[in-house]
Amino acid sequence: MTDDMDLVFKALADASRRRLLDSLHATPGQTLGALTEGHEMTRQAVSQHLALLEAANLVTTVRRGREKLHYLNPVPIHALQARWIAKFERPRLDALAALKDQLEGDDDG
């Protein structure tokens, strides 16, 4: 699991790869050619970024004839959120709940 998470962090660390993911979120099922047209990168650069995104399981592909369609896979991002972001939110949310309880308790007495 940690190795998979490391690949996700590595993939998300690059702004070009994040833009590709945004593009696939906005328009699922794009070909390499369509992704290349939408970004100021060479076809080879987009292909290399997609390979890293696929290795991190952030992009899945489907063959349709000679075309290879690319789709965003949000599952690794959700796992990252659950593992790394949610646990840091919990103390803040617990503190807010305790403050709310304390303030509401003061109004009663």
N, C-alpha and C. Protein backbone atom coordinates (compact mmCIF):
# COMPACT_ATOMS: atom_id res chain seq x y z
N MET A 1 0.82 -1.19 0.00
CA MET A 1 0.00 0.00 0.00
C MET A 1 0.86 1.25 0.00
N THR A 2 1.93 1.28 0.78
CA THR A 2 2.79 2.46 0.85
C THR A 2 3.44 2.73 -0.50
N ASP A 3 3.90 1.69 -1.18
CA ASP A 3 4.51 1.88 -2.49
C ASP A 3 3.51 2.49 -3.47
N ASP A 4 2.27 2.02 -3.42
CA ASP A 4 1.23 2.58 -4.28
C ASP A 4 0.99 4.05 -3.95
N MET A 5 0.96 4.37 -2.66
CA MET A 5 0.74 5.74 -2.24
C MET A 5 1.91 6.63 -2.66
N ASP A 6 3.12 6.09 -2.61
CA ASP A 6 4.30 6.84 -3.06
C ASP A 6 4.17 7.20 -4.54
N LEU A 7 3.68 6.26 -5.35
CA LEU A 7 3.49 6.52 -6.77
C LEU A 7 2.45 7.61 -6.99
N VAL A 8 1.39 7.61 -6.19
CA VAL A 8 0.35 8.64 -6.31
C VAL A 8 0.92 10.00 -5.96
N PHE A 9 1.66 10.09 -4.84
CA PHE A 9 2.28 11.36 -4.46
C PHE A 9 3.24 11.85 -5.55
N LYS A 10 4.05 10.94 -6.08
CA LYS A 10 5.00 11.31 -7.13
C LYS A 10 4.26 11.82 -8.36
N ALA A 11 3.19 11.14 -8.73
CA ALA A 11 2.42 11.54 -9.91
C ALA A 11 1.77 12.91 -9.70
N LEU A 12 1.24 13.14 -8.53
CA LEU A 12 0.56 14.41 -8.25
C LEU A 12 1.52 15.56 -8.00
N ALA A 13 2.78 15.27 -7.80
CA ALA A 13 3.77 16.32 -7.51
C ALA A 13 4.04 17.22 -8.71
N ASP A 14 3.74 16.75 -9.90
CA ASP A 14 4.05 17.51 -11.11
C ASP A 14 2.81 18.25 -11.62
N ALA A 15 2.95 19.55 -11.86
CA ALA A 15 1.83 20.38 -12.31
C ALA A 15 1.29 19.93 -13.66
N SER A 16 2.15 19.48 -14.56
CA SER A 16 1.69 19.02 -15.88
C SER A 16 0.79 17.79 -15.74
N ARG A 17 1.16 16.88 -14.85
CA ARG A 17 0.34 15.69 -14.64
C ARG A 17 -0.99 16.07 -13.99
N ARG A 18 -0.97 17.03 -13.07
CA ARG A 18 -2.23 17.48 -12.46
C ARG A 18 -3.14 18.11 -13.51
N ARG A 19 -2.55 18.85 -14.44
CA ARG A 19 -3.36 19.44 -15.52
C ARG A 19 -3.95 18.35 -16.42
N LEU A 20 -3.18 17.31 -16.69
CA LEU A 20 -3.73 16.19 -17.46
C LEU A 20 -4.90 15.54 -16.73
N LEU A 21 -4.76 15.35 -15.43
CA LEU A 21 -5.86 14.78 -14.65
C LEU A 21 -7.09 15.69 -14.67
N ASP A 22 -6.87 17.00 -14.56
CA ASP A 22 -7.98 17.95 -14.65
C ASP A 22 -8.67 17.84 -16.00
N SER A 23 -7.88 17.70 -17.04
CA SER A 23 -8.42 17.57 -18.39
C SER A 23 -9.26 16.30 -18.53
N LEU A 24 -8.75 15.20 -17.97
CA LEU A 24 -9.50 13.94 -18.03
C LEU A 24 -10.74 13.98 -17.15
N HIS A 25 -10.70 14.75 -16.09
CA HIS A 25 -11.89 14.92 -15.26
C HIS A 25 -12.96 15.69 -16.03
N ALA A 26 -12.54 16.74 -16.73
CA ALA A 26 -13.47 17.57 -17.50
C ALA A 26 -14.02 16.84 -18.72
N THR A 27 -13.14 16.07 -19.39
CA THR A 27 -13.53 15.36 -20.60
C THR A 27 -12.97 13.94 -20.56
N PRO A 28 -13.73 13.02 -20.00
CA PRO A 28 -13.25 11.63 -19.92
C PRO A 28 -13.10 10.99 -21.30
N GLY A 29 -12.20 10.03 -21.38
CA GLY A 29 -12.06 9.23 -22.59
C GLY A 29 -11.31 9.91 -23.71
N GLN A 30 -10.29 10.70 -23.39
CA GLN A 30 -9.51 11.38 -24.42
C GLN A 30 -8.39 10.48 -24.94
N THR A 31 -8.07 10.69 -26.19
CA THR A 31 -6.94 10.00 -26.80
C THR A 31 -5.66 10.77 -26.49
N LEU A 32 -4.54 10.16 -26.77
CA LEU A 32 -3.25 10.83 -26.60
C LEU A 32 -3.20 12.09 -27.46
N GLY A 33 -3.70 12.00 -28.68
CA GLY A 33 -3.71 13.16 -29.57
C GLY A 33 -4.53 14.31 -29.01
N ALA A 34 -5.70 14.02 -28.46
CA ALA A 34 -6.55 15.06 -27.88
C ALA A 34 -5.88 15.69 -26.66
N LEU A 35 -5.25 14.87 -25.84
CA LEU A 35 -4.56 15.40 -24.67
C LEU A 35 -3.36 16.25 -25.07
N THR A 36 -2.68 15.87 -26.14
CA THR A 36 -1.54 16.64 -26.62
C THR A 36 -1.99 18.00 -27.14
N GLU A 37 -3.09 18.03 -27.86
CA GLU A 37 -3.61 19.29 -28.40
C GLU A 37 -4.02 20.25 -27.29
N GLY A 38 -4.54 19.71 -26.20
CA GLY A 38 -5.02 20.55 -25.12
C GLY A 38 -3.94 21.08 -24.20
N HIS A 39 -2.71 20.65 -24.39
CA HIS A 39 -1.62 21.07 -23.51
C HIS A 39 -0.41 21.46 -24.34
N GLU A 40 0.37 22.34 -23.82
CA GLU A 40 1.57 22.80 -24.53
C GLU A 40 2.75 21.88 -24.24
N MET A 41 2.58 20.62 -24.63
CA MET A 41 3.63 19.62 -24.46
C MET A 41 3.70 18.80 -25.73
N THR A 42 4.85 18.19 -25.94
CA THR A 42 4.98 17.30 -27.08
C THR A 42 4.19 16.02 -26.81
N ARG A 43 3.93 15.31 -27.87
CA ARG A 43 3.23 14.03 -27.75
C ARG A 43 4.02 13.08 -26.85
N GLN A 44 5.34 13.07 -27.01
CA GLN A 44 6.20 12.20 -26.20
C GLN A 44 6.11 12.59 -24.72
N ALA A 45 6.10 13.88 -24.41
CA ALA A 45 6.00 14.32 -23.02
C ALA A 45 4.67 13.90 -22.40
N VAL A 46 3.59 14.10 -23.14
CA VAL A 46 2.27 13.70 -22.64
C VAL A 46 2.24 12.20 -22.42
N SER A 47 2.80 11.45 -23.36
CA SER A 47 2.85 9.99 -23.24
C SER A 47 3.62 9.55 -22.00
N GLN A 48 4.75 10.20 -21.72
CA GLN A 48 5.54 9.86 -20.53
C GLN A 48 4.77 10.19 -19.24
N HIS A 49 4.09 11.34 -19.23
CA HIS A 49 3.29 11.70 -18.06
C HIS A 49 2.15 10.71 -17.86
N LEU A 50 1.50 10.33 -18.94
CA LEU A 50 0.41 9.37 -18.84
C LEU A 50 0.90 8.01 -18.33
N ALA A 51 2.08 7.61 -18.73
CA ALA A 51 2.64 6.34 -18.26
C ALA A 51 2.83 6.38 -16.75
N LEU A 52 3.30 7.49 -16.23
CA LEU A 52 3.48 7.60 -14.78
C LEU A 52 2.13 7.64 -14.08
N LEU A 53 1.16 8.33 -14.67
CA LEU A 53 -0.20 8.38 -14.09
C LEU A 53 -0.85 6.99 -14.10
N GLU A 54 -0.61 6.24 -15.17
CA GLU A 54 -1.13 4.87 -15.24
C GLU A 54 -0.44 3.98 -14.20
N ALA A 55 0.86 4.13 -14.01
CA ALA A 55 1.58 3.34 -13.02
C ALA A 55 1.06 3.62 -11.61
N ALA A 56 0.61 4.84 -11.38
CA ALA A 56 0.05 5.21 -10.08
C ALA A 56 -1.44 4.88 -9.99
N ASN A 57 -1.98 4.29 -11.05
CA ASN A 57 -3.38 3.89 -11.14
C ASN A 57 -4.33 5.11 -11.11
N LEU A 58 -3.82 6.28 -11.47
CA LEU A 58 -4.65 7.48 -11.53
C LEU A 58 -5.34 7.62 -12.88
N VAL A 59 -4.83 6.91 -13.87
CA VAL A 59 -5.43 6.91 -15.20
C VAL A 59 -5.60 5.46 -15.64
N THR A 60 -6.78 5.17 -16.16
CA THR A 60 -7.04 3.86 -16.75
C THR A 60 -7.30 4.06 -18.24
N THR A 61 -7.10 3.00 -18.99
CA THR A 61 -7.28 3.11 -20.43
C THR A 61 -8.21 2.02 -20.93
N VAL A 62 -8.84 2.34 -22.04
CA VAL A 62 -9.72 1.40 -22.73
C VAL A 62 -9.38 1.48 -24.21
N ARG A 63 -9.20 0.34 -24.82
CA ARG A 63 -8.93 0.29 -26.26
C ARG A 63 -10.27 0.31 -27.00
N ARG A 64 -10.34 1.19 -28.01
CA ARG A 64 -11.50 1.23 -28.91
C ARG A 64 -10.93 1.22 -30.32
N GLY A 65 -10.88 0.03 -30.88
CA GLY A 65 -10.23 -0.11 -32.18
C GLY A 65 -8.75 0.21 -32.04
N ARG A 66 -8.28 1.15 -32.85
CA ARG A 66 -6.87 1.56 -32.78
C ARG A 66 -6.64 2.66 -31.76
N GLU A 67 -7.72 3.20 -31.22
CA GLU A 67 -7.58 4.29 -30.25
C GLU A 67 -7.44 3.75 -28.82
N LYS A 68 -6.69 4.49 -28.04
CA LYS A 68 -6.56 4.19 -26.62
C LYS A 68 -7.14 5.38 -25.87
N LEU A 69 -8.26 5.15 -25.18
CA LEU A 69 -8.94 6.21 -24.46
C LEU A 69 -8.48 6.24 -23.02
N HIS A 70 -8.26 7.43 -22.50
CA HIS A 70 -7.75 7.62 -21.15
C HIS A 70 -8.84 8.18 -20.25
N TYR A 71 -8.92 7.62 -19.04
CA TYR A 71 -9.93 8.03 -18.07
C TYR A 71 -9.27 8.26 -16.72
N LEU A 72 -9.77 9.24 -16.00
CA LEU A 72 -9.32 9.50 -14.64
C LEU A 72 -9.86 8.41 -13.72
N ASN A 73 -9.03 7.88 -12.85
CA ASN A 73 -9.45 6.95 -11.82
C ASN A 73 -9.29 7.67 -10.48
N PRO A 74 -10.40 8.10 -9.85
CA PRO A 74 -10.30 8.88 -8.62
C PRO A 74 -10.03 8.06 -7.36
N VAL A 75 -10.03 6.75 -7.45
CA VAL A 75 -9.87 5.90 -6.26
C VAL A 75 -8.57 6.17 -5.50
N PRO A 76 -7.40 6.26 -6.18
CA PRO A 76 -6.17 6.54 -5.42
C PRO A 76 -6.19 7.91 -4.74
N ILE A 77 -6.86 8.88 -5.35
CA ILE A 77 -6.95 10.21 -4.72
C ILE A 77 -7.82 10.13 -3.48
N HIS A 78 -8.88 9.35 -3.55
CA HIS A 78 -9.73 9.16 -2.37
C HIS A 78 -8.95 8.46 -1.26
N ALA A 79 -8.17 7.46 -1.62
CA ALA A 79 -7.36 6.76 -0.62
C ALA A 79 -6.35 7.70 0.02
N LEU A 80 -5.76 8.57 -0.79
CA LEU A 80 -4.82 9.56 -0.27
C LEU A 80 -5.54 10.49 0.71
N GLN A 81 -6.73 10.93 0.35
CA GLN A 81 -7.50 11.81 1.22
C GLN A 81 -7.83 11.11 2.54
N ALA A 82 -8.26 9.88 2.45
CA ALA A 82 -8.63 9.13 3.65
C ALA A 82 -7.41 8.88 4.55
N ARG A 83 -6.28 8.59 3.96
CA ARG A 83 -5.07 8.25 4.73
C ARG A 83 -4.34 9.47 5.26
N TRP A 84 -4.23 10.52 4.45
CA TRP A 84 -3.36 11.63 4.80
C TRP A 84 -4.07 12.93 5.15
N ILE A 85 -5.22 13.18 4.58
CA ILE A 85 -5.88 14.46 4.83
C ILE A 85 -6.90 14.35 5.96
N ALA A 86 -7.74 13.34 5.91
CA ALA A 86 -8.81 13.20 6.90
C ALA A 86 -8.27 13.10 8.33
N LYS A 87 -7.16 12.40 8.51
CA LYS A 87 -6.64 12.24 9.88
C LYS A 87 -6.15 13.57 10.46
N PHE A 88 -5.74 14.49 9.60
CA PHE A 88 -5.31 15.80 10.08
C PHE A 88 -6.49 16.74 10.31
N GLU A 89 -7.60 16.46 9.67
CA GLU A 89 -8.81 17.25 9.88
C GLU A 89 -9.49 16.87 11.20
N ARG A 90 -9.37 15.62 11.59
CA ARG A 90 -10.08 15.11 12.76
C ARG A 90 -9.84 15.95 14.01
N PRO A 91 -8.60 16.26 14.41
CA PRO A 91 -8.40 17.06 15.62
C PRO A 91 -9.08 18.44 15.53
N ARG A 92 -9.02 19.04 14.37
CA ARG A 92 -9.65 20.35 14.20
C ARG A 92 -11.16 20.24 14.34
N LEU A 93 -11.74 19.22 13.73
CA LEU A 93 -13.18 19.02 13.82
C LEU A 93 -13.60 18.67 15.24
N ASP A 94 -12.80 17.86 15.93
CA ASP A 94 -13.08 17.53 17.34
C ASP A 94 -13.03 18.78 18.20
N ALA A 95 -12.06 19.66 17.95
CA ALA A 95 -11.94 20.90 18.71
C ALA A 95 -13.13 21.80 18.46
N LEU A 96 -13.58 21.88 17.22
CA LEU A 96 -14.76 22.69 16.92
C LEU A 96 -16.01 22.13 17.59
N ALA A 97 -16.15 20.81 17.59
CA ALA A 97 -17.30 20.18 18.24
C ALA A 97 -17.27 20.44 19.75
N ALA A 98 -16.08 20.35 20.35
CA ALA A 98 -15.94 20.61 21.79
C ALA A 98 -16.27 22.06 22.10
N LEU A 99 -15.82 22.97 21.26
CA LEU A 99 -16.12 24.39 21.45
C LEU A 99 -17.62 24.64 21.34
N LYS A 100 -18.24 24.02 20.36
CA LYS A 100 -19.69 24.15 20.18
C LYS A 100 -20.42 23.66 21.42
N ASP A 101 -20.03 22.47 21.92
CA ASP A 101 -20.66 21.92 23.12
C ASP A 101 -20.47 22.84 24.32
N GLN A 102 -19.25 23.38 24.44
CA GLN A 102 -18.97 24.28 25.56
C GLN A 102 -19.80 25.55 25.46
N LEU A 103 -19.88 26.13 24.29
CA LEU A 103 -20.65 27.36 24.11
C LEU A 103 -22.14 27.13 24.32
N GLU A 104 -22.63 26.03 23.83
CA GLU A 104 -24.04 25.72 24.03
C GLU A 104 -24.34 25.41 25.51
N GLY A 105 -23.37 24.80 26.20
CA GLY A 105 -23.54 24.52 27.61
C GLY A 105 -23.58 25.81 28.43
N ASP A 106 -22.79 26.81 28.04
CA ASP A 106 -22.78 28.10 28.75
C ASP A 106 -24.11 28.83 28.62
N ASP A 107 -24.78 28.64 27.47
CA ASP A 107 -26.06 29.31 27.27
C ASP A 107 -27.14 28.73 28.19
N ASP A 108 -27.02 27.47 28.57
CA ASP A 108 -28.03 26.82 29.41
C ASP A 108 -27.90 27.23 30.87
N GLY A 109 -26.75 27.63 31.32
CA GLY A 109 -26.52 27.83 32.73
C GLY A 109 -26.40 29.25 33.06
